[in-house]
Amino acid sequence: WEGEGGGRFPADTPLARDTRWIEIDGERVGLDREPPAIEVAVQELPGQDPAMSYLWRQLAASERLHGPQEGLDAAVDALVAAGAVHPAAPELADLRAVLAVLGHVAMPPGGIRALPEPWQSLLAGGRLEGGPGGEVVIGAVTPEFDGISVAVMSLETEEEGFEIEVETTARRLRTLPFETAIEDTGVAWWAADDRGNHYLGEIGSWGGDDQHSEGTVSFWPALDPKAARLDLMPTAKTARAVITVPLPWAAAGAR
């Protein structure tokens, strides 16, 4: 709850999908608008070098605000020592260039050119703010992929970024700050819109047990206000789910 009178009251049970109205404190709120046509799919990821695929995924799943540099440096050192990655591999230079941008470190000239997607799109700049304001009720559940299932309940977008409320069938869906163990348990929270922009999510509030957890995932940069569709893509080791969400304010603006 916020100090100026805004906030949320969570309910113990969800509304039925055909609910037409709900009364709150004596005021009836209509809910009979046609829901967006949400699509859900699971996609196998293309084959990649296992060591570099692991490092890129750990980078995407790390908590950027805590600085993933230390944990990834230790992982790189371990993989190089094991002979899984050549110390002069150009992919390592790309990885460190992305780390520098995420850590607000000065880059050498041309430091983020020719990076692999989706990082090139994510770090292109120019979309830090200016996102639309709006909410979408999603209520989509993915099939199981890499041993987990994800339910996305809602999307809220603001000028600085956007956030989703999620529930999952597993607790361990991220790499913890400064973690150095070589274990592949993180989920990277990617998103992409129909205009070719990519977004990266970071877990916010989170709780649960080994069977079920729930919380929020905050994405950056700001959502392109001209986007008409958003694909939410929780990505694991060998597969990802794709939840396609039409953005109703885009359709309203086109009329």
C-alpha atoms as a PDB file:
ATOM      1  CA  TRP A   1       0.000   0.000   0.000  1.00  0.00           C
ATOM      2  CA  GLU A   2       1.309   3.441  -0.935  1.00  0.00           C
ATOM      3  CA  GLY A   3       1.082   6.608   1.162  1.00  0.00           C
ATOM      4  CA  GLU A   4      -1.128   8.563  -1.254  1.00  0.00           C
ATOM      5  CA  GLY A   5      -4.017   6.111  -1.213  1.00  0.00           C
ATOM      6  CA  GLY A   6      -2.997   3.616  -3.888  1.00  0.00           C
ATOM      7  CA  GLY A   7      -2.365  -0.065  -3.353  1.00  0.00           C
ATOM      8  CA  ARG A   8      -3.556  -3.641  -3.836  1.00  0.00           C
ATOM      9  CA  PHE A   9      -5.655  -6.116  -1.897  1.00  0.00           C
ATOM     10  CA  PRO A  10      -4.663  -9.713  -2.776  1.00  0.00           C
ATOM     11  CA  ALA A  11      -7.530 -12.221  -2.780  1.00  0.00           C
ATOM     12  CA  ASP A  12      -7.374 -15.764  -1.417  1.00  0.00           C
ATOM     13  CA  THR A  13      -8.892 -17.305  -4.550  1.00  0.00           C
ATOM     14  CA  PRO A  14      -8.812 -16.320  -8.233  1.00  0.00           C
ATOM     15  CA  LEU A  15     -11.826 -15.037 -10.127  1.00  0.00           C
ATOM     16  CA  ALA A  16     -13.562 -17.344 -12.569  1.00  0.00           C
ATOM     17  CA  ARG A  17     -12.604 -16.571 -16.155  1.00  0.00           C
ATOM     18  CA  ASP A  18     -16.230 -15.713 -17.033  1.00  0.00           C
ATOM     19  CA  THR A  19     -16.697 -13.263 -14.119  1.00  0.00           C
ATOM     20  CA  ARG A  20     -18.526 -10.175 -15.441  1.00  0.00           C
ATOM     21  CA  TRP A  21     -18.286  -7.918 -12.411  1.00  0.00           C
ATOM     22  CA  ILE A  22     -17.002  -7.702  -8.835  1.00  0.00           C
ATOM     23  CA  GLU A  23     -18.200  -5.463  -6.005  1.00  0.00           C
ATOM     24  CA  ILE A  24     -15.539  -3.846  -3.791  1.00  0.00           C
ATOM     25  CA  ASP A  25     -16.610  -1.804  -0.762  1.00  0.00           C
ATOM     26  CA  GLY A  26     -20.045  -1.196  -2.256  1.00  0.00           C
ATOM     27  CA  GLU A  27     -18.783  -0.221  -5.712  1.00  0.00           C
ATOM     28  CA  ARG A  28     -19.325  -2.516  -8.689  1.00  0.00           C
ATOM     29  CA  VAL A  29     -16.445  -2.884 -11.148  1.00  0.00           C
ATOM     30  CA  GLY A  30     -17.220  -4.287 -14.602  1.00  0.00           C
ATOM     31  CA  LEU A  31     -15.002  -7.095 -15.855  1.00  0.00           C
ATOM     32  CA  ASP A  32     -16.785  -7.979 -19.084  1.00  0.00           C
ATOM     33  CA  ARG A  33     -14.155  -6.704 -21.497  1.00  0.00           C
ATOM     34  CA  GLU A  34     -12.914  -9.359 -23.911  1.00  0.00           C
ATOM     35  CA  PRO A  35      -9.661 -10.818 -22.519  1.00  0.00           C
ATOM     36  CA  PRO A  36      -6.541 -10.714 -24.692  1.00  0.00           C
ATOM     37  CA  ALA A  37      -5.786 -13.803 -26.778  1.00  0.00           C
ATOM     38  CA  ILE A  38      -2.821 -15.163 -24.820  1.00  0.00           C
ATOM     39  CA  GLU A  39      -0.719 -17.839 -26.544  1.00  0.00           C
ATOM     40  CA  VAL A  40       1.633 -20.244 -24.747  1.00  0.00           C
ATOM     41  CA  ALA A  41       4.301 -22.502 -26.248  1.00  0.00           C
ATOM     42  CA  VAL A  42       7.514 -24.288 -25.288  1.00  0.00           C
ATOM     43  CA  GLN A  43      10.516 -24.122 -27.615  1.00  0.00           C
ATOM     44  CA  GLU A  44      13.679 -26.201 -27.580  1.00  0.00           C
ATOM     45  CA  LEU A  45      16.808 -24.046 -27.629  1.00  0.00           C
ATOM     46  CA  PRO A  46      19.278 -24.457 -30.508  1.00  0.00           C
ATOM     47  CA  GLY A  47      22.449 -26.378 -29.755  1.00  0.00           C
ATOM     48  CA  GLN A  48      25.330 -24.251 -28.453  1.00  0.00           C
ATOM     49  CA  ASP A  49      28.753 -24.745 -26.941  1.00  0.00           C
ATOM     50  CA  PRO A  50      27.805 -26.013 -23.465  1.00  0.00           C
ATOM     51  CA  ALA A  51      30.349 -23.934 -21.554  1.00  0.00           C
ATOM     52  CA  MET A  52      29.555 -20.621 -23.252  1.00  0.00           C
ATOM     53  CA  SER A  53      25.822 -21.332 -23.162  1.00  0.00           C
ATOM     54  CA  TYR A  54      26.142 -21.845 -19.410  1.00  0.00           C
ATOM     55  CA  LEU A  55      28.052 -18.572 -18.927  1.00  0.00           C
ATOM     56  CA  TRP A  56      25.598 -16.496 -20.985  1.00  0.00           C
ATOM     57  CA  ARG A  57      22.642 -17.975 -19.117  1.00  0.00           C
ATOM     58  CA  GLN A  58      24.257 -17.368 -15.733  1.00  0.00           C
ATOM     59  CA  LEU A  59      24.873 -13.746 -16.720  1.00  0.00           C
ATOM     60  CA  ALA A  60      21.233 -13.269 -17.721  1.00  0.00           C
ATOM     61  CA  ALA A  61      19.985 -14.969 -14.538  1.00  0.00           C
ATOM     62  CA  SER A  62      22.266 -13.031 -12.164  1.00  0.00           C
ATOM     63  CA  GLU A  63      21.070 -10.107 -10.065  1.00  0.00           C
ATOM     64  CA  ARG A  64      22.439  -7.099 -11.924  1.00  0.00           C
ATOM     65  CA  LEU A  65      22.037  -4.712  -8.993  1.00  0.00           C
ATOM     66  CA  HIS A  66      24.385  -6.833  -6.879  1.00  0.00           C
ATOM     67  CA  GLY A  67      27.017  -7.028  -9.617  1.00  0.00           C
ATOM     68  CA  PRO A  68      27.444 -10.522 -11.153  1.00  0.00           C
ATOM     69  CA  GLN A  69      31.132  -9.946 -11.973  1.00  0.00           C
ATOM     70  CA  GLU A  70      32.659 -11.932  -9.092  1.00  0.00           C
ATOM     71  CA  GLY A  71      30.633 -15.093  -9.556  1.00  0.00           C
ATOM     72  CA  LEU A  72      31.059 -15.151 -13.321  1.00  0.00           C
ATOM     73  CA  ASP A  73      34.796 -14.514 -13.106  1.00  0.00           C
ATOM     74  CA  ALA A  74      35.110 -17.555 -10.852  1.00  0.00           C
ATOM     75  CA  ALA A  75      33.006 -19.625 -13.256  1.00  0.00           C
ATOM     76  CA  VAL A  76      35.141 -18.521 -16.225  1.00  0.00           C
ATOM     77  CA  ASP A  77      38.340 -19.403 -14.360  1.00  0.00           C
ATOM     78  CA  ALA A  78      36.991 -22.853 -13.501  1.00  0.00           C
ATOM     79  CA  LEU A  79      35.914 -23.581 -17.079  1.00  0.00           C
ATOM     80  CA  VAL A  80      39.237 -22.364 -18.494  1.00  0.00           C
ATOM     81  CA  ALA A  81      41.150 -24.511 -15.996  1.00  0.00           C
ATOM     82  CA  ALA A  82      39.060 -27.521 -17.021  1.00  0.00           C
ATOM     83  CA  GLY A  83      39.795 -26.908 -20.698  1.00  0.00           C
ATOM     84  CA  ALA A  84      36.140 -26.259 -21.513  1.00  0.00           C
ATOM     85  CA  VAL A  85      36.809 -22.682 -22.696  1.00  0.00           C
ATOM     86  CA  HIS A  86      39.925 -21.280 -24.381  1.00  0.00           C
ATOM     87  CA  PRO A  87      41.201 -18.241 -22.445  1.00  0.00           C
ATOM     88  CA  ALA A  88      41.460 -16.230 -25.680  1.00  0.00           C
ATOM     89  CA  ALA A  89      38.022 -17.197 -27.000  1.00  0.00           C
ATOM     90  CA  PRO A  90      36.315 -14.176 -28.632  1.00  0.00           C
ATOM     91  CA  GLU A  91      33.077 -15.172 -26.906  1.00  0.00           C
ATOM     92  CA  LEU A  92      34.729 -14.400 -23.564  1.00  0.00           C
ATOM     93  CA  ALA A  93      35.504 -10.884 -24.795  1.00  0.00           C
ATOM     94  CA  ASP A  94      31.817 -10.482 -25.696  1.00  0.00           C
ATOM     95  CA  LEU A  95      30.800 -11.763 -22.269  1.00  0.00           C
ATOM     96  CA  ARG A  96      33.078  -9.299 -20.496  1.00  0.00           C
ATOM     97  CA  ALA A  97      31.837  -6.451 -22.703  1.00  0.00           C
ATOM     98  CA  VAL A  98      28.265  -7.167 -21.615  1.00  0.00           C
ATOM     99  CA  LEU A  99      29.398  -7.386 -17.987  1.00  0.00           C
ATOM    100  CA  ALA A 100      31.029  -3.982 -18.313  1.00  0.00           C
ATOM    101  CA  VAL A 101      27.834  -2.399 -19.639  1.00  0.00           C
ATOM    102  CA  LEU A 102      25.673  -3.977 -16.943  1.00  0.00           C
ATOM    103  CA  GLY A 103      28.160  -2.865 -14.300  1.00  0.00           C
ATOM    104  CA  HIS A 104      28.376   0.704 -15.675  1.00  0.00           C
ATOM    105  CA  VAL A 105      32.089   0.267 -16.399  1.00  0.00           C
ATOM    106  CA  ALA A 106      33.750   2.345 -19.131  1.00  0.00           C
ATOM    107  CA  MET A 107      33.883   0.406 -22.408  1.00  0.00           C
ATOM    108  CA  PRO A 108      36.673   0.383 -24.987  1.00  0.00           C
ATOM    109  CA  PRO A 109      35.795   1.903 -28.385  1.00  0.00           C
ATOM    110  CA  GLY A 110      33.330  -0.321 -30.238  1.00  0.00           C
ATOM    111  CA  GLY A 111      32.953  -2.495 -27.163  1.00  0.00           C
ATOM    112  CA  ILE A 112      29.369  -3.662 -27.730  1.00  0.00           C
ATOM    113  CA  ARG A 113      29.365  -3.992 -31.510  1.00  0.00           C
ATOM    114  CA  ALA A 114      28.575  -7.378 -33.051  1.00  0.00           C
ATOM    115  CA  LEU A 115      27.429  -8.955 -29.811  1.00  0.00           C
ATOM    116  CA  PRO A 116      25.214 -12.032 -30.091  1.00  0.00           C
ATOM    117  CA  GLU A 117      21.492 -11.457 -29.875  1.00  0.00           C
ATOM    118  CA  PRO A 118      19.542 -10.798 -27.764  1.00  0.00           C
ATOM    119  CA  TRP A 119      22.305  -8.840 -26.012  1.00  0.00           C
ATOM    120  CA  GLN A 120      22.949  -6.539 -28.963  1.00  0.00           C
ATOM    121  CA  SER A 121      19.302  -5.422 -28.994  1.00  0.00           C
ATOM    122  CA  LEU A 122      19.126  -5.189 -25.197  1.00  0.00           C
ATOM    123  CA  LEU A 123      22.197  -2.956 -24.915  1.00  0.00           C
ATOM    124  CA  ALA A 124      21.531  -0.791 -27.966  1.00  0.00           C
ATOM    125  CA  GLY A 125      20.335   2.020 -25.671  1.00  0.00           C
ATOM    126  CA  GLY A 126      17.780   4.753 -26.216  1.00  0.00           C
ATOM    127  CA  ARG A 127      14.902   3.032 -24.355  1.00  0.00           C
ATOM    128  CA  LEU A 128      15.698   3.647 -20.690  1.00  0.00           C
ATOM    129  CA  GLU A 129      12.413   5.481 -20.040  1.00  0.00           C
ATOM    130  CA  GLY A 130       9.234   6.478 -21.816  1.00  0.00           C
ATOM    131  CA  GLY A 131       7.262   3.258 -21.491  1.00  0.00           C
ATOM    132  CA  PRO A 132       3.449   3.244 -21.585  1.00  0.00           C
ATOM    133  CA  GLY A 133       1.310   2.918 -18.474  1.00  0.00           C
ATOM    134  CA  GLY A 134      -1.079  -0.014 -18.346  1.00  0.00           C
ATOM    135  CA  GLU A 135      -1.981  -3.411 -16.913  1.00  0.00           C
ATOM    136  CA  VAL A 136      -2.895  -6.725 -18.522  1.00  0.00           C
ATOM    137  CA  VAL A 137      -4.442  -9.710 -16.732  1.00  0.00           C
ATOM    138  CA  ILE A 138      -2.721 -12.759 -18.231  1.00  0.00           C
ATOM    139  CA  GLY A 139      -3.449 -15.916 -16.207  1.00  0.00           C
ATOM    140  CA  ALA A 140      -1.346 -18.198 -18.444  1.00  0.00           C
ATOM    141  CA  VAL A 141       0.343 -21.444 -17.363  1.00  0.00           C
ATOM    142  CA  THR A 142       3.161 -23.048 -19.340  1.00  0.00           C
ATOM    143  CA  PRO A 143       3.676 -26.749 -19.954  1.00  0.00           C
ATOM    144  CA  GLU A 144       6.656 -28.184 -18.098  1.00  0.00           C
ATOM    145  CA  PHE A 145      10.086 -27.341 -19.542  1.00  0.00           C
ATOM    146  CA  ASP A 146      13.396 -28.426 -18.027  1.00  0.00           C
ATOM    147  CA  GLY A 147      11.492 -29.688 -14.996  1.00  0.00           C
ATOM    148  CA  ILE A 148       9.574 -26.501 -14.169  1.00  0.00           C
ATOM    149  CA  SER A 149       6.290 -24.830 -15.038  1.00  0.00           C
ATOM    150  CA  VAL A 150       5.584 -21.094 -14.884  1.00  0.00           C
ATOM    151  CA  ALA A 151       2.300 -19.236 -14.413  1.00  0.00           C
ATOM    152  CA  VAL A 152       2.235 -15.555 -15.368  1.00  0.00           C
ATOM    153  CA  MET A 153      -0.636 -13.816 -13.632  1.00  0.00           C
ATOM    154  CA  SER A 154      -0.392 -10.188 -14.763  1.00  0.00           C
ATOM    155  CA  LEU A 155       1.721  -7.536 -16.474  1.00  0.00           C
ATOM    156  CA  GLU A 156       2.084  -3.937 -15.303  1.00  0.00           C
ATOM    157  CA  THR A 157       4.069  -1.410 -17.310  1.00  0.00           C
ATOM    158  CA  GLU A 158       5.248   2.057 -16.282  1.00  0.00           C
ATOM    159  CA  GLU A 159       7.507   4.734 -17.685  1.00  0.00           C
ATOM    160  CA  GLU A 160      10.723   3.173 -16.312  1.00  0.00           C
ATOM    161  CA  GLY A 161      10.026  -0.507 -17.077  1.00  0.00           C
ATOM    162  CA  PHE A 162       7.494  -3.293 -16.611  1.00  0.00           C
ATOM    163  CA  GLU A 163       6.812  -6.066 -14.118  1.00  0.00           C
ATOM    164  CA  ILE A 164       5.066  -9.429 -14.123  1.00  0.00           C
ATOM    165  CA  GLU A 165       3.586 -11.456 -11.270  1.00  0.00           C
ATOM    166  CA  VAL A 166       4.550 -15.119 -11.548  1.00  0.00           C
ATOM    167  CA  GLU A 167       4.170 -18.464  -9.824  1.00  0.00           C
ATOM    168  CA  THR A 168       6.428 -21.462 -10.466  1.00  0.00           C
ATOM    169  CA  THR A 169       6.714 -25.121  -9.538  1.00  0.00           C
ATOM    170  CA  ALA A 170      10.274 -24.679  -8.232  1.00  0.00           C
ATOM    171  CA  ARG A 171      11.989 -22.324  -5.811  1.00  0.00           C
ATOM    172  CA  ARG A 172      15.498 -22.185  -7.264  1.00  0.00           C
ATOM    173  CA  LEU A 173      15.072 -20.104 -10.426  1.00  0.00           C
ATOM    174  CA  ARG A 174      17.991 -17.706 -10.218  1.00  0.00           C
ATOM    175  CA  THR A 175      21.695 -17.409  -9.585  1.00  0.00           C
ATOM    176  CA  LEU A 176      22.306 -15.786  -6.210  1.00  0.00           C
ATOM    177  CA  PRO A 177      24.568 -12.720  -5.837  1.00  0.00           C
ATOM    178  CA  PHE A 178      28.301 -13.601  -5.789  1.00  0.00           C
ATOM    179  CA  GLU A 179      27.587 -17.303  -6.167  1.00  0.00           C
ATOM    180  CA  THR A 180      30.592 -19.244  -7.448  1.00  0.00           C
ATOM    181  CA  ALA A 181      29.335 -22.826  -7.700  1.00  0.00           C
ATOM    182  CA  ILE A 182      29.175 -24.295 -11.198  1.00  0.00           C
ATOM    183  CA  GLU A 183      25.575 -25.491 -11.207  1.00  0.00           C
ATOM    184  CA  ASP A 184      23.025 -24.931 -13.907  1.00  0.00           C
ATOM    185  CA  THR A 185      19.793 -24.144 -12.066  1.00  0.00           C
ATOM    186  CA  GLY A 186      19.015 -20.561 -13.023  1.00  0.00           C
ATOM    187  CA  VAL A 187      16.197 -19.335 -15.239  1.00  0.00           C
ATOM    188  CA  ALA A 188      16.808 -16.245 -17.353  1.00  0.00           C
ATOM    189  CA  TRP A 189      13.775 -13.967 -17.727  1.00  0.00           C
ATOM    190  CA  TRP A 190      13.819 -12.597 -21.277  1.00  0.00           C
ATOM    191  CA  ALA A 191      11.121 -10.737 -23.191  1.00  0.00           C
ATOM    192  CA  ALA A 192      10.828  -9.456 -26.761  1.00  0.00           C
ATOM    193  CA  ASP A 193       8.284  -7.286 -28.559  1.00  0.00           C
ATOM    194  CA  ASP A 194       7.029  -7.235 -32.138  1.00  0.00           C
ATOM    195  CA  ARG A 195       9.345  -4.312 -32.982  1.00  0.00           C
ATOM    196  CA  GLY A 196      12.554  -6.282 -32.465  1.00  0.00           C
ATOM    197  CA  ASN A 197      13.344  -5.003 -28.957  1.00  0.00           C
ATOM    198  CA  HIS A 198      14.570  -7.302 -26.191  1.00  0.00           C
ATOM    199  CA  TYR A 199      14.198  -6.936 -22.424  1.00  0.00           C
ATOM    200  CA  LEU A 200      15.822  -8.647 -19.436  1.00  0.00           C
ATOM    201  CA  GLY A 201      14.062  -9.430 -16.174  1.00  0.00           C
ATOM    202  CA  GLU A 202      15.316  -9.551 -12.604  1.00  0.00           C
ATOM    203  CA  ILE A 203      13.542 -11.249  -9.723  1.00  0.00           C
ATOM    204  CA  GLY A 204      12.145  -8.832  -7.141  1.00  0.00           C
ATOM    205  CA  SER A 205      10.055 -10.005  -4.188  1.00  0.00           C
ATOM    206  CA  TRP A 206      10.092 -13.801  -3.991  1.00  0.00           C
ATOM    207  CA  GLY A 207       9.040 -16.574  -1.645  1.00  0.00           C
ATOM    208  CA  GLY A 208       7.956 -20.183  -1.468  1.00  0.00           C
ATOM    209  CA  ASP A 209       9.266 -23.688  -0.899  1.00  0.00           C
ATOM    210  CA  ASP A 210      10.872 -26.422  -2.995  1.00  0.00           C
ATOM    211  CA  GLN A 211       7.567 -27.277  -4.709  1.00  0.00           C
ATOM    212  CA  HIS A 212       6.038 -23.852  -5.331  1.00  0.00           C
ATOM    213  CA  SER A 213       7.151 -20.243  -5.310  1.00  0.00           C
ATOM    214  CA  GLU A 214       5.800 -16.882  -6.385  1.00  0.00           C
ATOM    215  CA  GLY A 215       6.863 -13.287  -6.738  1.00  0.00           C
ATOM    216  CA  THR A 216       7.593 -10.525  -9.212  1.00  0.00           C
ATOM    217  CA  VAL A 217      10.016 -10.109 -12.103  1.00  0.00           C
ATOM    218  CA  SER A 218      10.983  -6.566 -13.144  1.00  0.00           C
ATOM    219  CA  PHE A 219      12.129  -5.956 -16.727  1.00  0.00           C
ATOM    220  CA  TRP A 220      14.269  -3.252 -18.285  1.00  0.00           C
ATOM    221  CA  PRO A 221      14.587  -1.146 -20.342  1.00  0.00           C
ATOM    222  CA  ALA A 222      11.201   0.549 -20.677  1.00  0.00           C
ATOM    223  CA  LEU A 223       8.658  -1.105 -22.955  1.00  0.00           C
ATOM    224  CA  ASP A 224       8.484   0.392 -26.436  1.00  0.00           C
ATOM    225  CA  PRO A 225       5.211   2.398 -26.440  1.00  0.00           C
ATOM    226  CA  LYS A 226       4.622   1.389 -30.076  1.00  0.00           C
ATOM    227  CA  ALA A 227       4.807  -2.340 -29.332  1.00  0.00           C
ATOM    228  CA  ALA A 228       1.589  -4.249 -29.990  1.00  0.00           C
ATOM    229  CA  ARG A 229       2.729  -7.654 -28.697  1.00  0.00           C
ATOM    230  CA  LEU A 230       5.094  -8.864 -25.990  1.00  0.00           C
ATOM    231  CA  ASP A 231       6.634 -12.340 -25.735  1.00  0.00           C
ATOM    232  CA  LEU A 232       7.585 -13.295 -22.172  1.00  0.00           C
ATOM    233  CA  MET A 233      10.313 -15.959 -22.324  1.00  0.00           C
ATOM    234  CA  PRO A 234      11.492 -17.673 -19.120  1.00  0.00           C
ATOM    235  CA  THR A 235      14.549 -19.553 -20.386  1.00  0.00           C
ATOM    236  CA  ALA A 236      16.156 -22.622 -18.821  1.00  0.00           C
ATOM    237  CA  LYS A 237      19.038 -24.868 -19.892  1.00  0.00           C
ATOM    238  CA  THR A 238      17.584 -26.629 -22.940  1.00  0.00           C
ATOM    239  CA  ALA A 239      14.186 -24.989 -23.505  1.00  0.00           C
ATOM    240  CA  ARG A 240      12.158 -21.858 -22.959  1.00  0.00           C
ATOM    241  CA  ALA A 241       8.494 -21.019 -22.598  1.00  0.00           C
ATOM    242  CA  VAL A 242       7.012 -18.287 -24.791  1.00  0.00           C
ATOM    243  CA  ILE A 243       3.919 -16.478 -23.490  1.00  0.00           C
ATOM    244  CA  THR A 244       2.614 -14.110 -26.168  1.00  0.00           C
ATOM    245  CA  VAL A 245       0.639 -11.189 -24.747  1.00  0.00           C
ATOM    246  CA  PRO A 246      -1.262  -8.726 -26.989  1.00  0.00           C
ATOM    247  CA  LEU A 247      -1.004  -5.196 -25.578  1.00  0.00           C
ATOM    248  CA  PRO A 248      -4.542  -3.743 -25.522  1.00  0.00           C
ATOM    249  CA  TRP A 249      -3.477  -0.086 -25.429  1.00  0.00           C
ATOM    250  CA  ALA A 250      -1.774  -0.550 -28.810  1.00  0.00           C
ATOM    251  CA  ALA A 251      -5.053  -1.706 -30.362  1.00  0.00           C
ATOM    252  CA  ALA A 252      -6.931   1.165 -28.705  1.00  0.00           C
ATOM    253  CA  GLY A 253      -4.448   3.679 -30.099  1.00  0.00           C
ATOM    254  CA  ALA A 254      -4.849   2.280 -33.602  1.00  0.00           C
ATOM    255  CA  ARG A 255      -8.607   2.956 -33.649  1.00  0.00           C
END
